[in-house]
C-alpha atoms as a PDB file:
ATOM      1  CA  MET A   1     119.976  63.705 147.214  1.00  0.00           C
ATOM      2  CA  SER A   2     121.667  67.504 146.738  1.00  0.00           C
ATOM      3  CA  THR A   3     121.578  69.703 149.343  1.00  0.00           C
ATOM      4  CA  PRO A   4     119.639  72.929 149.082  1.00  0.00           C
ATOM      5  CA  ILE A   5     121.257  76.763 149.474  1.00  0.00           C
ATOM      6  CA  THR A   6     119.682  77.450 152.555  1.00  0.00           C
ATOM      7  CA  VAL A   7     120.243  81.477 153.889  1.00  0.00           C
ATOM      8  CA  GLN A   8     118.308  83.133 156.770  1.00  0.00           C
ATOM      9  CA  TYR A   9     118.166  85.959 158.382  1.00  0.00           C
ATOM     10  CA  THR A  10     115.986  88.245 160.844  1.00  0.00           C
ATOM     11  CA  ILE A  11     114.876  91.490 159.556  1.00  0.00           C
ATOM     12  CA  ASN A  12     113.419  93.795 162.026  1.00  0.00           C
ATOM     13  CA  ALA A  13     110.199  94.014 160.348  1.00  0.00           C
ATOM     14  CA  PRO A  14     106.597  92.228 160.623  1.00  0.00           C
ATOM     15  CA  ALA A  15     105.769  89.590 158.028  1.00  0.00           C
ATOM     16  CA  GLU A  16     103.259  91.034 156.373  1.00  0.00           C
ATOM     17  CA  LYS A  17     106.005  94.012 155.753  1.00  0.00           C
ATOM     18  CA  VAL A  18     108.089  91.638 154.634  1.00  0.00           C
ATOM     19  CA  TRP A  19     105.396  89.477 152.486  1.00  0.00           C
ATOM     20  CA  LYS A  20     104.530  92.914 150.649  1.00  0.00           C
ATOM     21  CA  ALA A  21     108.163  93.199 149.370  1.00  0.00           C
ATOM     22  CA  LEU A  22     108.385  89.416 147.896  1.00  0.00           C
ATOM     23  CA  THR A  23     104.817  90.096 146.228  1.00  0.00           C
ATOM     24  CA  ASP A  24     104.372  93.146 145.377  1.00  0.00           C
ATOM     25  CA  LYS A  25     106.326  94.006 141.846  1.00  0.00           C
ATOM     26  CA  ASN A  26     106.458  97.448 142.598  1.00  0.00           C
ATOM     27  CA  GLU A  27     108.503  96.908 146.167  1.00  0.00           C
ATOM     28  CA  MET A  28     110.749  94.291 144.311  1.00  0.00           C
ATOM     29  CA  LYS A  29     112.024  96.883 142.173  1.00  0.00           C
ATOM     30  CA  SER A  30     114.151  98.350 144.910  1.00  0.00           C
ATOM     31  CA  TRP A  31     115.718  95.892 146.590  1.00  0.00           C
ATOM     32  CA  TYR A  32     115.238  92.459 144.290  1.00  0.00           C
ATOM     33  CA  PHE A  33     114.739  92.232 139.854  1.00  0.00           C
ATOM     34  CA  ASP A  34     112.370  94.739 138.289  1.00  0.00           C
ATOM     35  CA  ILE A  35     109.517  91.979 137.477  1.00  0.00           C
ATOM     36  CA  GLN A  36     107.265  93.626 134.595  1.00  0.00           C
ATOM     37  CA  ASP A  37     105.249  90.527 133.828  1.00  0.00           C
ATOM     38  CA  PHE A  38     105.094  89.178 138.123  1.00  0.00           C
ATOM     39  CA  VAL A  39     101.452  88.633 139.076  1.00  0.00           C
ATOM     40  CA  LEU A  40     101.017  86.428 142.662  1.00  0.00           C
ATOM     41  CA  GLU A  41      99.184  83.274 141.393  1.00  0.00           C
ATOM     42  CA  THR A  42     100.089  80.117 141.438  1.00  0.00           C
ATOM     43  CA  GLY A  43     100.827  78.587 138.067  1.00  0.00           C
ATOM     44  CA  LYS A  44     101.517  82.082 136.765  1.00  0.00           C
ATOM     45  CA  GLU A  45     104.918  82.604 135.067  1.00  0.00           C
ATOM     46  CA  PHE A  46     107.220  85.403 135.460  1.00  0.00           C
ATOM     47  CA  ASN A  47     110.584  86.399 133.369  1.00  0.00           C
ATOM     48  CA  PHE A  48     113.108  88.807 134.155  1.00  0.00           C
ATOM     49  CA  TYR A  49     116.723  89.961 133.344  1.00  0.00           C
ATOM     50  CA  GLU A  50     119.958  90.690 135.728  1.00  0.00           C
ATOM     51  CA  PRO A  51     120.280  94.288 136.732  1.00  0.00           C
ATOM     52  CA  GLY A  52     121.892  96.698 135.028  1.00  0.00           C
ATOM     53  CA  GLY A  53     121.002  96.383 131.433  1.00  0.00           C
ATOM     54  CA  GLU A  54     123.172  93.545 130.021  1.00  0.00           C
ATOM     55  CA  ASN A  55     120.667  91.166 129.976  1.00  0.00           C
ATOM     56  CA  LYS A  56     122.652  88.183 129.637  1.00  0.00           C
ATOM     57  CA  TYR A  57     120.860  85.944 131.810  1.00  0.00           C
ATOM     58  CA  HIS A  58     117.304  85.698 131.373  1.00  0.00           C
ATOM     59  CA  HIS A  59     115.907  84.125 134.208  1.00  0.00           C
ATOM     60  CA  HIS A  60     112.184  82.025 134.338  1.00  0.00           C
ATOM     61  CA  ALA A  61     109.788  81.125 137.060  1.00  0.00           C
ATOM     62  CA  GLN A  62     106.689  79.464 137.823  1.00  0.00           C
ATOM     63  CA  ILE A  63     104.929  79.811 140.830  1.00  0.00           C
ATOM     64  CA  LEU A  64     104.293  76.580 142.321  1.00  0.00           C
ATOM     65  CA  GLU A  65     103.050  77.747 145.855  1.00  0.00           C
ATOM     66  CA  ILE A  66     101.743  80.494 147.658  1.00  0.00           C
ATOM     67  CA  ILE A  67     100.655  80.822 151.407  1.00  0.00           C
ATOM     68  CA  PRO A  68     100.272  84.404 152.236  1.00  0.00           C
ATOM     69  CA  ASN A  69     102.577  85.946 154.962  1.00  0.00           C
ATOM     70  CA  GLU A  70     104.149  82.438 155.451  1.00  0.00           C
ATOM     71  CA  LYS A  71     105.534  81.021 151.864  1.00  0.00           C
ATOM     72  CA  LEU A  72     106.050  81.608 148.350  1.00  0.00           C
ATOM     73  CA  LYS A  73     107.621  78.477 145.894  1.00  0.00           C
ATOM     74  CA  TYR A  74     108.585  78.944 142.281  1.00  0.00           C
ATOM     75  CA  THR A  75     110.966  77.388 139.906  1.00  0.00           C
ATOM     76  CA  TRP A  76     114.001  78.970 138.757  1.00  0.00           C
ATOM     77  CA  SER A  77     115.989  78.825 134.821  1.00  0.00           C
ATOM     78  CA  TYR A  78     117.814  80.108 132.508  1.00  0.00           C
ATOM     79  CA  PRO A  79     116.610  79.126 129.610  1.00  0.00           C
ATOM     80  CA  ASP A  80     118.773  80.304 127.034  1.00  0.00           C
ATOM     81  CA  PHE A  81     120.851  77.951 128.547  1.00  0.00           C
ATOM     82  CA  SER A  82     119.319  75.081 129.896  1.00  0.00           C
ATOM     83  CA  ALA A  83     116.343  72.918 130.083  1.00  0.00           C
ATOM     84  CA  LEU A  84     117.093  72.232 133.910  1.00  0.00           C
ATOM     85  CA  LYS A  85     114.695  73.926 136.270  1.00  0.00           C
ATOM     86  CA  THR A  86     115.643  74.326 140.605  1.00  0.00           C
ATOM     87  CA  ILE A  87     112.952  75.437 142.684  1.00  0.00           C
ATOM     88  CA  VAL A  88     113.418  78.905 145.312  1.00  0.00           C
ATOM     89  CA  THR A  89     111.222  78.961 148.441  1.00  0.00           C
ATOM     90  CA  TRP A  90     111.057  82.028 150.596  1.00  0.00           C
ATOM     91  CA  GLU A  91     109.541  81.241 154.204  1.00  0.00           C
ATOM     92  CA  LEU A  92     108.373  83.959 156.853  1.00  0.00           C
ATOM     93  CA  LEU A  93     108.537  82.593 160.028  1.00  0.00           C
ATOM     94  CA  PRO A  94     107.221  85.880 162.625  1.00  0.00           C
ATOM     95  CA  GLU A  95     109.263  86.273 165.621  1.00  0.00           C
ATOM     96  CA  GLY A  96     107.871  89.242 168.063  1.00  0.00           C
ATOM     97  CA  GLY A  97     107.891  92.196 165.902  1.00  0.00           C
ATOM     98  CA  GLN A  98     110.775  90.891 164.058  1.00  0.00           C
ATOM     99  CA  THR A  99     110.578  88.012 160.766  1.00  0.00           C
ATOM    100  CA  VAL A 100     113.058  85.059 159.716  1.00  0.00           C
ATOM    101  CA  VAL A 101     113.119  85.408 156.218  1.00  0.00           C
ATOM    102  CA  LYS A 102     114.192  81.870 154.971  1.00  0.00           C
ATOM    103  CA  LEU A 103     115.663  80.926 151.403  1.00  0.00           C
ATOM    104  CA  THR A 104     115.614  77.999 150.327  1.00  0.00           C
ATOM    105  CA  HIS A 105     116.847  77.160 146.633  1.00  0.00           C
ATOM    106  CA  GLU A 106     116.627  73.533 145.597  1.00  0.00           C
ATOM    107  CA  ASP A 107     118.408  71.549 142.780  1.00  0.00           C
ATOM    108  CA  ILE A 108     121.212  73.618 142.097  1.00  0.00           C
ATOM    109  CA  GLU A 109     123.844  71.134 140.718  1.00  0.00           C
ATOM    110  CA  ASN A 110     121.034  70.859 137.859  1.00  0.00           C
ATOM    111  CA  PHE A 111     123.641  73.788 136.450  1.00  0.00           C
ATOM    112  CA  LYS A 112     126.605  73.139 137.736  1.00  0.00           C
ATOM    113  CA  GLU A 113     127.562  72.166 133.595  1.00  0.00           C
ATOM    114  CA  LEU A 114     127.146  75.570 132.639  1.00  0.00           C
ATOM    115  CA  GLY A 115     129.829  77.144 134.068  1.00  0.00           C
ATOM    116  CA  GLU A 116     131.623  79.249 137.044  1.00  0.00           C
ATOM    117  CA  GLY A 117     128.882  82.040 136.607  1.00  0.00           C
ATOM    118  CA  PHE A 118     125.974  78.771 137.759  1.00  0.00           C
ATOM    119  CA  SER A 119     128.206  77.637 140.801  1.00  0.00           C
ATOM    120  CA  ARG A 120     126.734  77.114 144.566  1.00  0.00           C
ATOM    121  CA  GLU A 121     129.341  79.725 145.532  1.00  0.00           C
ATOM    122  CA  ASN A 122     128.035  82.543 143.445  1.00  0.00           C
ATOM    123  CA  PHE A 123     124.448  81.544 143.930  1.00  0.00           C
ATOM    124  CA  THR A 124     125.096  81.415 147.764  1.00  0.00           C
ATOM    125  CA  GLU A 125     126.956  84.525 147.526  1.00  0.00           C
ATOM    126  CA  GLY A 126     124.046  86.133 145.854  1.00  0.00           C
ATOM    127  CA  TRP A 127     121.343  85.103 148.407  1.00  0.00           C
ATOM    128  CA  ASN A 128     123.393  86.093 150.923  1.00  0.00           C
ATOM    129  CA  THR A 129     123.401  89.823 149.513  1.00  0.00           C
ATOM    130  CA  ILE A 130     119.625  89.499 148.313  1.00  0.00           C
ATOM    131  CA  LEU A 131     118.433  89.272 151.263  1.00  0.00           C
ATOM    132  CA  GLY A 132     121.403  89.855 154.207  1.00  0.00           C
ATOM    133  CA  GLN A 133     121.605  93.391 152.478  1.00  0.00           C
ATOM    134  CA  SER A 134     119.467  94.174 149.818  1.00  0.00           C
ATOM    135  CA  LEU A 135     116.036  92.726 151.183  1.00  0.00           C
ATOM    136  CA  LYS A 136     117.641  94.074 154.897  1.00  0.00           C
ATOM    137  CA  GLU A 137     118.363  97.126 154.729  1.00  0.00           C
ATOM    138  CA  TYR A 138     115.067  97.828 152.002  1.00  0.00           C
ATOM    139  CA  LEU A 139     113.123  96.754 155.074  1.00  0.00           C
ATOM    140  CA  GLU A 140     114.738  98.212 157.611  1.00  0.00           C
ATOM    141  CA  LYS A 141     115.375 101.848 156.573  1.00  0.00           C
END
């Protein structure tokens, strides 16, 4: 049994606004990744690279579940490095005018053979930066 990475922050914005930031590719590129082929539809696949233009890490994902304003779940993999996949789930929990955003990244040990860049610590730090800084600052500005 693996232990997922869980990162949670309260954002001073309603769930609908957070949802739009998570699912509108034009908003995503302001705080997350520039995902040209993102379509909010179960079964759709999308691809992207890390920011900065080096394009060392091809990310591939497939949407598994959509509950508008509540949950977005997709696979997360690096096809150039491994056939194994992980699962990323975003959950939105409204709390007054704020939203608790909970991110869970499961099966991260599938990447442990890929080296330091794919370590649990790196992913934890990355998700904390993405959620606790990038998304939070984007929505609270």
